[in-house]
Amino acid sequence: MNRMRIKNEPGLERDLQSNGIVNTNVDDYARFLKDKEKRNAEEQRLNTLEAELRDIKTLLLALLNKGQ
């Protein structure tokens, strides 16, 4: 794969075959992966909280209906 460095942009190169931009900065990539993992964990936590809230709501409605 032939690449050419992009002027005034350290860590970025242009792939001459596809004309795409490639980030060659390992630290940026590691930061991206860490941020992605954090977002996924937050999304999973939110999904769990929503499911638990639905369960609580269902139980409360069942208790209310049972009392009538």
C-alpha atoms as a PDB file:
ATOM      1  CA  MET A   1       0.000   0.000   0.000  1.00  0.00           C
ATOM      2  CA  ASN A   2       1.569   3.258  -1.138  1.00  0.00           C
ATOM      3  CA  ARG A   3       0.991   6.206   1.139  1.00  0.00           C
ATOM      4  CA  MET A   4       1.983   9.838   1.157  1.00  0.00           C
ATOM      5  CA  ARG A   5       2.182  12.007   4.257  1.00  0.00           C
ATOM      6  CA  ILE A   6      -0.259  14.881   4.442  1.00  0.00           C
ATOM      7  CA  LYS A   7       1.419  18.238   4.767  1.00  0.00           C
ATOM      8  CA  ASN A   8       0.974  19.922   8.188  1.00  0.00           C
ATOM      9  CA  GLU A   9      -0.967  16.925   9.537  1.00  0.00           C
ATOM     10  CA  PRO A  10       1.293  14.640  11.583  1.00  0.00           C
ATOM     11  CA  GLY A  11      -0.097  11.150  11.894  1.00  0.00           C
ATOM     12  CA  LEU A  12      -2.221  11.363   8.754  1.00  0.00           C
ATOM     13  CA  GLU A  13      -1.337   9.800   5.414  1.00  0.00           C
ATOM     14  CA  ARG A  14      -3.154   9.523   2.090  1.00  0.00           C
ATOM     15  CA  ASP A  15      -3.502   6.067   0.561  1.00  0.00           C
ATOM     16  CA  LEU A  16      -2.544   6.660  -3.053  1.00  0.00           C
ATOM     17  CA  GLN A  17      -4.502   3.663  -4.304  1.00  0.00           C
ATOM     18  CA  SER A  18      -7.879   4.423  -2.706  1.00  0.00           C
ATOM     19  CA  ASN A  19      -7.267   8.144  -2.117  1.00  0.00           C
ATOM     20  CA  GLY A  20      -8.456   7.631   1.491  1.00  0.00           C
ATOM     21  CA  ILE A  21      -7.010   9.216   4.622  1.00  0.00           C
ATOM     22  CA  VAL A  22      -5.264   6.882   7.079  1.00  0.00           C
ATOM     23  CA  ASN A  23      -4.558   7.821  10.694  1.00  0.00           C
ATOM     24  CA  THR A  24      -1.198   6.326  11.621  1.00  0.00           C
ATOM     25  CA  ASN A  25      -1.062   7.835  15.123  1.00  0.00           C
ATOM     26  CA  VAL A  26      -1.158   4.859  17.517  1.00  0.00           C
ATOM     27  CA  ASP A  27      -2.055   7.045  20.515  1.00  0.00           C
ATOM     28  CA  ASP A  28      -5.097   8.488  18.719  1.00  0.00           C
ATOM     29  CA  TYR A  29      -6.262   4.994  17.812  1.00  0.00           C
ATOM     30  CA  ALA A  30      -5.824   3.739  21.388  1.00  0.00           C
ATOM     31  CA  ARG A  31      -7.793   6.749  22.664  1.00  0.00           C
ATOM     32  CA  PHE A  32     -10.531   6.043  20.118  1.00  0.00           C
ATOM     33  CA  LEU A  33     -10.803   2.417  21.266  1.00  0.00           C
ATOM     34  CA  LYS A  34     -10.904   3.448  24.926  1.00  0.00           C
ATOM     35  CA  ASP A  35     -13.632   6.030  24.237  1.00  0.00           C
ATOM     36  CA  LYS A  36     -15.615   3.494  22.220  1.00  0.00           C
ATOM     37  CA  GLU A  37     -15.384   0.965  25.041  1.00  0.00           C
ATOM     38  CA  LYS A  38     -16.549   3.609  27.521  1.00  0.00           C
ATOM     39  CA  ARG A  39     -19.528   4.540  25.308  1.00  0.00           C
ATOM     40  CA  ASN A  40     -20.475   0.879  24.948  1.00  0.00           C
ATOM     41  CA  ALA A  41     -20.297   0.372  28.727  1.00  0.00           C
ATOM     42  CA  GLU A  42     -22.460   3.454  29.320  1.00  0.00           C
ATOM     43  CA  GLU A  43     -24.984   2.273  26.748  1.00  0.00           C
ATOM     44  CA  GLN A  44     -25.107  -1.179  28.358  1.00  0.00           C
ATOM     45  CA  ARG A  45     -25.615   0.408  31.794  1.00  0.00           C
ATOM     46  CA  LEU A  46     -28.442   2.567  30.453  1.00  0.00           C
ATOM     47  CA  ASN A  47     -30.103  -0.451  28.832  1.00  0.00           C
ATOM     48  CA  THR A  48     -29.881  -2.362  32.122  1.00  0.00           C
ATOM     49  CA  LEU A  49     -31.377   0.543  34.067  1.00  0.00           C
ATOM     50  CA  GLU A  50     -34.226   0.864  31.571  1.00  0.00           C
ATOM     51  CA  ALA A  51     -34.991  -2.860  31.829  1.00  0.00           C
ATOM     52  CA  GLU A  52     -34.953  -2.704  35.627  1.00  0.00           C
ATOM     53  CA  LEU A  53     -37.247   0.325  35.583  1.00  0.00           C
ATOM     54  CA  ARG A  54     -39.699  -1.527  33.310  1.00  0.00           C
ATOM     55  CA  ASP A  55     -39.646  -4.464  35.756  1.00  0.00           C
ATOM     56  CA  ILE A  56     -40.342  -2.157  38.701  1.00  0.00           C
ATOM     57  CA  LYS A  57     -43.186  -0.492  36.817  1.00  0.00           C
ATOM     58  CA  THR A  58     -44.698  -3.876  35.969  1.00  0.00           C
ATOM     59  CA  LEU A  59     -44.484  -5.001  39.610  1.00  0.00           C
ATOM     60  CA  LEU A  60     -46.054  -1.752  40.849  1.00  0.00           C
ATOM     61  CA  LEU A  61     -48.923  -2.042  38.372  1.00  0.00           C
ATOM     62  CA  ALA A  62     -49.463  -5.663  39.417  1.00  0.00           C
ATOM     63  CA  LEU A  63     -49.598  -4.619  43.087  1.00  0.00           C
ATOM     64  CA  LEU A  64     -52.058  -1.840  42.313  1.00  0.00           C
ATOM     65  CA  ASN A  65     -54.303  -4.169  40.316  1.00  0.00           C
ATOM     66  CA  LYS A  66     -54.152  -6.840  43.021  1.00  0.00           C
ATOM     67  CA  GLY A  67     -55.332  -4.353  45.643  1.00  0.00           C
ATOM     68  CA  GLN A  68     -58.466  -3.401  43.714  1.00  0.00           C
END
